[in-house]
Amino acid sequence: MITDPGCIFCKIVAGTIPCFKLYEDAETLAFMDINPVHDGHCLVIPKAHYPTVFDITPEDFAAAARTATRVARAVNAAVKADGFNLMQANGEGAGQSVGHFHLHIVPRRADDGLRFNWERDQKPGDMAHIAEIAERIRGFL
């Protein structure tokens, strides 16, 4: 498997950095975003390191899509969102802040005012609250 020792997501996959894990299989990992824009905001990554959509294999992209579908259903059941954005950014100009392919699952509320390029310099969310939301989501997986 391709890894990058300097990549924070590769370190999460390796277990050297903790996360609020939601789901894991042989190819993918889903975990809570610790800078959430809304309750239930989480990420799906391939375990192998691919910087962008231009680098990922079709097989690992398909695996990430399958996991995103499964996790999005669980998030929806847990937080009862009005809608969802599945977002994937490539490169700094698109707002990609970690150079490891990842899909954002972002629950939405009607008129929440969220723009696609949300502020990345916000303070981290409340870890106990993120853990509580993660537990609710895991209950639906």
Protein backbone atom coordinates (compact mmCIF):
# COMPACT_ATOMS: atom_id res chain seq x y z
CA MET A 1 0.00 0.00 0.00
CA ILE A 2 1.23 3.49 -0.86
CA THR A 3 1.85 5.68 2.21
CA ASP A 4 3.40 9.07 2.93
CA PRO A 5 5.09 9.26 6.34
CA GLY A 6 4.48 13.03 6.51
CA CYS A 7 0.74 12.81 5.76
CA ILE A 8 -1.60 13.31 8.72
CA PHE A 9 -4.23 11.01 7.17
CA CYS A 10 -1.64 8.26 6.61
CA LYS A 11 -0.73 8.64 10.29
CA ILE A 12 -4.42 8.26 11.21
CA VAL A 13 -4.61 5.09 9.07
CA ALA A 14 -1.46 3.78 10.79
CA GLY A 15 -2.96 4.52 14.22
CA THR A 16 -0.21 6.93 15.27
CA ILE A 17 -2.69 9.84 15.42
CA PRO A 18 -6.07 9.21 17.05
CA CYS A 19 -9.41 9.82 15.38
CA PHE A 20 -13.11 9.38 16.04
CA LYS A 21 -13.39 6.33 13.79
CA LEU A 22 -16.79 5.65 12.27
CA TYR A 23 -16.12 2.82 9.84
CA GLU A 24 -13.19 0.88 8.48
CA ASP A 25 -12.74 -1.83 5.88
CA ALA A 26 -9.73 -3.16 3.99
CA GLU A 27 -9.55 -0.18 1.59
CA THR A 28 -11.10 2.79 3.42
CA LEU A 29 -11.49 4.62 6.70
CA ALA A 30 -14.26 7.02 7.77
CA PHE A 31 -13.81 9.35 10.74
CA MET A 32 -15.15 12.57 12.20
CA ASP A 33 -13.74 15.90 11.03
CA ILE A 34 -12.32 17.60 14.13
CA ASN A 35 -13.05 21.02 12.61
CA PRO A 36 -16.69 20.35 11.73
CA VAL A 37 -18.85 22.85 9.91
CA HIS A 38 -21.97 21.04 11.20
CA ASP A 39 -22.73 18.13 13.52
CA GLY A 40 -21.97 14.90 11.68
CA HIS A 41 -19.31 16.37 9.35
CA CYS A 42 -16.97 13.49 8.63
CA LEU A 43 -14.37 12.29 6.15
CA VAL A 44 -13.88 9.18 4.05
CA ILE A 45 -10.38 8.34 2.85
CA PRO A 46 -8.72 5.51 0.99
CA LYS A 47 -6.13 3.87 3.23
CA ALA A 48 -3.58 4.15 0.44
CA HIS A 49 -2.07 7.59 -0.08
CA TYR A 50 -3.23 9.43 -3.20
CA PRO A 51 -2.78 13.21 -3.12
CA THR A 52 -5.73 14.06 -5.42
CA VAL A 53 -8.45 12.60 -7.60
CA PHE A 54 -5.92 12.64 -10.45
CA ASP A 55 -3.76 10.12 -8.58
CA ILE A 56 -6.30 7.70 -7.10
CA THR A 57 -6.98 4.39 -8.81
CA PRO A 58 -10.52 3.77 -10.06
CA GLU A 59 -10.78 0.84 -7.66
CA ASP A 60 -9.89 2.92 -4.59
CA PHE A 61 -12.16 5.74 -5.76
CA ALA A 62 -15.02 3.22 -6.03
CA ALA A 63 -14.22 1.87 -2.55
CA ALA A 64 -14.30 5.42 -1.11
CA ALA A 65 -17.63 6.07 -2.87
CA ARG A 66 -19.13 2.87 -1.42
CA THR A 67 -18.00 3.83 2.07
CA ALA A 68 -19.25 7.41 1.65
CA THR A 69 -22.70 6.13 0.69
CA ARG A 70 -22.85 3.85 3.71
CA VAL A 71 -21.59 6.49 6.14
CA ALA A 72 -23.80 9.26 4.71
CA ARG A 73 -26.86 7.09 5.38
CA ALA A 74 -25.74 6.60 8.98
CA VAL A 75 -25.00 10.31 9.45
CA ASN A 76 -28.43 11.17 8.06
CA ALA A 77 -30.11 8.77 10.50
CA ALA A 78 -28.07 10.18 13.40
CA VAL A 79 -28.40 13.93 12.79
CA LYS A 80 -31.57 14.20 10.66
CA ALA A 81 -30.11 16.73 8.21
CA ASP A 82 -32.17 18.66 5.65
CA GLY A 83 -29.63 17.69 3.00
CA PHE A 84 -26.00 16.76 2.39
CA ASN A 85 -22.97 17.87 0.47
CA LEU A 86 -20.37 15.34 -0.56
CA MET A 87 -17.32 17.43 -1.26
CA GLN A 88 -13.93 16.57 -2.63
CA ALA A 89 -11.33 19.26 -3.28
CA ASN A 90 -8.14 18.98 -5.33
CA GLY A 91 -5.33 21.43 -4.73
CA GLU A 92 -4.92 24.53 -2.62
CA GLY A 93 -6.99 26.63 -5.01
CA ALA A 94 -9.99 24.37 -4.39
CA GLY A 95 -9.50 24.46 -0.63
CA GLN A 96 -7.74 21.11 -0.21
CA SER A 97 -5.93 21.41 3.10
CA VAL A 98 -4.60 17.83 3.41
CA GLY A 99 -2.80 16.29 0.44
CA HIS A 100 -4.53 12.92 0.72
CA PHE A 101 -7.66 12.24 -1.32
CA HIS A 102 -10.71 12.55 0.92
CA LEU A 103 -14.44 13.01 0.68
CA HIS A 104 -16.24 15.33 3.06
CA ILE A 105 -19.73 14.28 4.14
CA VAL A 106 -21.35 17.53 5.24
CA PRO A 107 -24.87 17.50 6.70
CA ARG A 108 -26.77 20.66 5.81
CA ARG A 109 -29.65 22.68 7.22
CA ALA A 110 -31.89 24.82 5.06
CA ASP A 111 -30.55 28.39 4.97
CA ASP A 112 -27.48 27.51 7.06
CA GLY A 113 -25.39 30.03 5.11
CA LEU A 114 -22.55 27.57 4.58
CA ARG A 115 -20.36 28.27 1.57
CA PHE A 116 -18.25 25.56 -0.03
CA ASN A 117 -14.99 27.28 0.95
CA TRP A 118 -15.64 27.59 4.67
CA GLU A 119 -13.13 29.17 6.97
CA ARG A 120 -10.21 26.83 7.64
CA ASP A 121 -8.78 28.92 10.46
CA GLN A 122 -11.70 28.26 12.79
CA LYS A 123 -11.11 26.86 16.25
CA PRO A 124 -11.39 23.09 16.67
CA GLY A 125 -14.78 21.81 17.70
CA ASP A 126 -15.68 20.49 21.14
CA MET A 127 -14.08 17.02 21.29
CA ALA A 128 -16.66 15.58 23.72
CA HIS A 129 -19.47 16.73 21.44
CA ILE A 130 -17.70 15.30 18.37
CA ALA A 131 -17.28 11.99 20.24
CA GLU A 132 -21.00 11.96 21.08
CA ILE A 133 -21.99 12.53 17.44
CA ALA A 134 -19.51 9.82 16.34
CA GLU A 135 -21.11 7.34 18.73
CA ARG A 136 -24.58 8.15 17.37
CA ILE A 137 -23.38 7.62 13.80
CA ARG A 138 -21.62 4.34 14.65
CA GLY A 139 -24.96 3.11 15.96
CA PHE A 140 -26.36 3.29 12.45
CA LEU A 141 -23.48 1.51 10.66
